[in-house]
Amino acid sequence: MSKRLQVLLKESEYREIRQAARARNLSVAEWVRQALRLVRLNEPSGSADKKIKAVRAALRYEFPTADIDQMLAEIERGYGVGKNP
């Protein structure tokens, strides 16, 4: 089911939006829908507290670290890549 949204804009804001929509061969309504969708998708999901707790939980572990080339070489050796026949 669709819902109607009414937004009041200054005349200058509306003109800018109309020009942007025309430049993309879109109606003002479609341009606004796309703009809102883009902003909504870029909004962070979840609370900051939840993210901080996840980072703190990850910090309790000790993961291997090394030079990336060294780590990749070790991984490849584990898969048998680069072994002499």
N, C-alpha and C. Protein backbone atom coordinates (compact mmCIF):
# COMPACT_ATOMS: atom_id res chain seq x y z
N MET A 1 0.84 -1.17 0.00
CA MET A 1 0.00 0.00 0.00
C MET A 1 0.89 1.24 0.00
N SER A 2 0.58 2.18 -0.84
CA SER A 2 1.35 3.41 -0.94
C SER A 2 0.83 4.46 0.03
N LYS A 3 1.72 5.28 0.48
CA LYS A 3 1.37 6.40 1.37
C LYS A 3 1.82 7.69 0.72
N ARG A 4 1.07 8.73 0.95
CA ARG A 4 1.40 10.05 0.42
C ARG A 4 2.20 10.81 1.47
N LEU A 5 3.22 11.53 1.01
CA LEU A 5 4.05 12.35 1.88
C LEU A 5 4.04 13.77 1.34
N GLN A 6 3.67 14.70 2.18
CA GLN A 6 3.67 16.11 1.76
C GLN A 6 4.81 16.82 2.46
N VAL A 7 5.63 17.50 1.67
CA VAL A 7 6.78 18.22 2.19
C VAL A 7 6.73 19.64 1.66
N LEU A 8 6.85 20.60 2.57
CA LEU A 8 6.85 22.00 2.16
C LEU A 8 8.29 22.46 1.95
N LEU A 9 8.54 23.06 0.79
CA LEU A 9 9.87 23.54 0.44
C LEU A 9 9.82 25.01 0.08
N LYS A 10 10.94 25.67 0.22
CA LYS A 10 11.05 27.03 -0.30
C LYS A 10 11.02 26.93 -1.81
N GLU A 11 10.56 27.98 -2.45
CA GLU A 11 10.46 27.98 -3.91
C GLU A 11 11.82 27.69 -4.54
N SER A 12 12.88 28.27 -3.99
CA SER A 12 14.22 28.06 -4.55
C SER A 12 14.66 26.60 -4.42
N GLU A 13 14.33 25.96 -3.30
CA GLU A 13 14.67 24.54 -3.11
C GLU A 13 13.93 23.68 -4.13
N TYR A 14 12.64 23.98 -4.32
CA TYR A 14 11.85 23.21 -5.27
C TYR A 14 12.41 23.36 -6.68
N ARG A 15 12.80 24.58 -7.06
CA ARG A 15 13.36 24.81 -8.40
C ARG A 15 14.63 23.97 -8.60
N GLU A 16 15.48 23.93 -7.59
CA GLU A 16 16.71 23.14 -7.68
C GLU A 16 16.41 21.66 -7.84
N ILE A 17 15.45 21.17 -7.08
CA ILE A 17 15.07 19.76 -7.17
C ILE A 17 14.46 19.46 -8.53
N ARG A 18 13.61 20.35 -9.02
CA ARG A 18 12.99 20.17 -10.33
C ARG A 18 14.06 20.13 -11.42
N GLN A 19 15.06 21.01 -11.32
CA GLN A 19 16.14 21.02 -12.30
C GLN A 19 16.95 19.72 -12.24
N ALA A 20 17.23 19.24 -11.04
CA ALA A 20 17.97 17.99 -10.88
C ALA A 20 17.18 16.82 -11.46
N ALA A 21 15.88 16.82 -11.23
CA ALA A 21 15.03 15.75 -11.76
C ALA A 21 15.00 15.79 -13.28
N ARG A 22 14.83 16.97 -13.84
CA ARG A 22 14.80 17.11 -15.30
C ARG A 22 16.11 16.65 -15.92
N ALA A 23 17.22 16.96 -15.27
CA ALA A 23 18.53 16.58 -15.79
C ALA A 23 18.67 15.06 -15.90
N ARG A 24 17.90 14.33 -15.12
CA ARG A 24 17.94 12.87 -15.12
C ARG A 24 16.70 12.26 -15.78
N ASN A 25 15.91 13.12 -16.42
CA ASN A 25 14.67 12.68 -17.07
C ASN A 25 13.73 11.96 -16.10
N LEU A 26 13.63 12.51 -14.89
CA LEU A 26 12.76 11.95 -13.85
C LEU A 26 11.72 12.98 -13.47
N SER A 27 10.61 12.48 -12.95
CA SER A 27 9.65 13.39 -12.33
C SER A 27 10.23 13.83 -10.99
N VAL A 28 9.71 14.92 -10.47
CA VAL A 28 10.16 15.38 -9.15
C VAL A 28 9.87 14.29 -8.12
N ALA A 29 8.71 13.67 -8.21
CA ALA A 29 8.35 12.63 -7.24
C ALA A 29 9.33 11.47 -7.28
N GLU A 30 9.70 11.01 -8.49
CA GLU A 30 10.65 9.90 -8.60
C GLU A 30 12.03 10.30 -8.11
N TRP A 31 12.45 11.52 -8.42
CA TRP A 31 13.74 12.00 -7.94
C TRP A 31 13.77 12.00 -6.42
N VAL A 32 12.71 12.47 -5.80
CA VAL A 32 12.63 12.52 -4.33
C VAL A 32 12.63 11.11 -3.76
N ARG A 33 11.88 10.18 -4.38
CA ARG A 33 11.86 8.79 -3.89
C ARG A 33 13.27 8.20 -3.94
N GLN A 34 13.98 8.42 -5.05
CA GLN A 34 15.34 7.89 -5.17
C GLN A 34 16.28 8.52 -4.16
N ALA A 35 16.16 9.83 -3.96
CA ALA A 35 17.01 10.52 -2.99
C ALA A 35 16.76 9.99 -1.58
N LEU A 36 15.50 9.81 -1.22
CA LEU A 36 15.18 9.29 0.11
C LEU A 36 15.67 7.86 0.28
N ARG A 37 15.54 7.05 -0.76
CA ARG A 37 16.01 5.66 -0.71
C ARG A 37 17.53 5.63 -0.51
N LEU A 38 18.24 6.47 -1.24
CA LEU A 38 19.70 6.51 -1.12
C LEU A 38 20.13 6.92 0.28
N VAL A 39 19.50 7.92 0.83
CA VAL A 39 19.85 8.37 2.18
C VAL A 39 19.52 7.28 3.19
N ARG A 40 18.37 6.64 3.03
CA ARG A 40 17.95 5.59 3.96
C ARG A 40 18.94 4.41 3.93
N LEU A 41 19.42 4.04 2.74
CA LEU A 41 20.36 2.93 2.63
C LEU A 41 21.72 3.26 3.22
N ASN A 42 22.07 4.54 3.26
CA ASN A 42 23.36 4.94 3.80
C ASN A 42 23.32 5.25 5.29
N GLU A 43 22.14 5.19 5.88
CA GLU A 43 22.02 5.41 7.32
C GLU A 43 22.61 4.21 8.05
N PRO A 44 23.37 4.44 9.12
CA PRO A 44 23.91 3.31 9.86
C PRO A 44 22.78 2.52 10.51
N SER A 45 22.92 1.21 10.45
CA SER A 45 21.90 0.37 11.08
C SER A 45 22.38 -0.03 12.46
N GLY A 46 21.49 -0.13 13.38
CA GLY A 46 21.84 -0.49 14.74
C GLY A 46 22.31 0.71 15.54
N SER A 47 22.32 0.54 16.82
CA SER A 47 22.71 1.65 17.69
C SER A 47 24.23 1.70 17.84
N ALA A 48 24.72 2.86 18.20
CA ALA A 48 26.15 3.02 18.42
C ALA A 48 26.62 2.15 19.59
N ASP A 49 25.78 2.02 20.62
CA ASP A 49 26.15 1.19 21.78
C ASP A 49 26.34 -0.27 21.36
N LYS A 50 25.47 -0.76 20.49
CA LYS A 50 25.57 -2.14 20.03
C LYS A 50 26.86 -2.35 19.24
N LYS A 51 27.22 -1.39 18.43
CA LYS A 51 28.46 -1.50 17.64
C LYS A 51 29.68 -1.45 18.54
N ILE A 52 29.67 -0.57 19.53
CA ILE A 52 30.80 -0.47 20.46
C ILE A 52 30.96 -1.78 21.23
N LYS A 53 29.85 -2.37 21.65
CA LYS A 53 29.92 -3.65 22.37
C LYS A 53 30.52 -4.73 21.49
N ALA A 54 30.17 -4.74 20.20
CA ALA A 54 30.72 -5.73 19.28
C ALA A 54 32.22 -5.56 19.10
N VAL A 55 32.66 -4.32 18.99
CA VAL A 55 34.11 -4.05 18.86
C VAL A 55 34.84 -4.47 20.12
N ARG A 56 34.28 -4.14 21.27
CA ARG A 56 34.92 -4.52 22.54
C ARG A 56 34.98 -6.04 22.69
N ALA A 57 33.95 -6.74 22.26
CA ALA A 57 33.95 -8.20 22.33
C ALA A 57 35.04 -8.76 21.42
N ALA A 58 35.20 -8.19 20.24
CA ALA A 58 36.23 -8.67 19.31
C ALA A 58 37.63 -8.42 19.86
N LEU A 59 37.80 -7.36 20.62
CA LEU A 59 39.12 -7.04 21.17
C LEU A 59 39.57 -8.02 22.24
N ARG A 60 38.65 -8.82 22.76
CA ARG A 60 39.02 -9.81 23.78
C ARG A 60 39.78 -10.99 23.19
N TYR A 61 39.74 -11.13 21.88
CA TYR A 61 40.40 -12.24 21.21
C TYR A 61 41.77 -11.80 20.70
N GLU A 62 42.62 -12.77 20.50
CA GLU A 62 43.92 -12.50 19.91
C GLU A 62 43.97 -13.21 18.57
N PHE A 63 43.98 -12.43 17.52
CA PHE A 63 44.03 -12.97 16.18
C PHE A 63 45.45 -12.83 15.65
N PRO A 64 45.86 -13.75 14.76
CA PRO A 64 47.21 -13.64 14.21
C PRO A 64 47.37 -12.38 13.38
N THR A 65 48.52 -11.77 13.52
CA THR A 65 48.83 -10.61 12.70
C THR A 65 50.23 -10.78 12.16
N ALA A 66 50.43 -10.28 10.98
CA ALA A 66 51.75 -10.33 10.35
C ALA A 66 51.68 -9.46 9.11
N ASP A 67 52.82 -9.37 8.46
CA ASP A 67 52.86 -8.70 7.17
C ASP A 67 51.91 -9.44 6.23
N ILE A 68 51.15 -8.73 5.44
CA ILE A 68 50.14 -9.36 4.59
C ILE A 68 50.76 -10.35 3.62
N ASP A 69 51.93 -10.04 3.07
CA ASP A 69 52.58 -10.98 2.14
C ASP A 69 52.96 -12.27 2.86
N GLN A 70 53.43 -12.15 4.09
CA GLN A 70 53.78 -13.34 4.87
C GLN A 70 52.54 -14.18 5.15
N MET A 71 51.46 -13.53 5.55
CA MET A 71 50.23 -14.27 5.85
C MET A 71 49.70 -14.97 4.61
N LEU A 72 49.72 -14.30 3.47
CA LEU A 72 49.24 -14.92 2.23
C LEU A 72 50.11 -16.11 1.84
N ALA A 73 51.43 -15.98 2.02
CA ALA A 73 52.32 -17.09 1.71
C ALA A 73 52.01 -18.28 2.61
N GLU A 74 51.77 -18.04 3.90
CA GLU A 74 51.44 -19.12 4.82
C GLU A 74 50.12 -19.78 4.44
N ILE A 75 49.15 -18.99 4.03
CA ILE A 75 47.85 -19.54 3.61
C ILE A 75 48.05 -20.42 2.38
N GLU A 76 48.80 -19.92 1.42
CA GLU A 76 49.03 -20.70 0.20
C GLU A 76 49.77 -22.00 0.50
N ARG A 77 50.74 -21.95 1.42
CA ARG A 77 51.44 -23.19 1.81
C ARG A 77 50.46 -24.17 2.43
N GLY A 78 49.52 -23.67 3.18
CA GLY A 78 48.53 -24.54 3.80
C GLY A 78 47.64 -25.22 2.78
N TYR A 79 47.41 -24.57 1.65
CA TYR A 79 46.61 -25.15 0.58
C TYR A 79 47.45 -25.99 -0.37
N GLY A 80 48.77 -26.04 -0.12
CA GLY A 80 49.64 -26.81 -0.98
C GLY A 80 50.08 -26.06 -2.22
N VAL A 81 49.76 -24.79 -2.32
CA VAL A 81 50.17 -23.99 -3.47
C VAL A 81 51.63 -23.63 -3.31
N GLY A 82 52.38 -23.70 -4.37
CA GLY A 82 53.77 -23.30 -4.33
C GLY A 82 54.69 -24.40 -3.83
N LYS A 83 54.16 -25.62 -3.57
CA LYS A 83 55.02 -26.74 -3.15
C LYS A 83 55.71 -27.28 -4.37
N ASN A 84 56.93 -27.69 -4.17
CA ASN A 84 57.66 -28.32 -5.27
C ASN A 84 57.17 -29.74 -5.46
N PRO A 85 56.99 -30.16 -6.75
CA PRO A 85 56.48 -31.52 -7.01
C PRO A 85 57.49 -32.59 -6.66
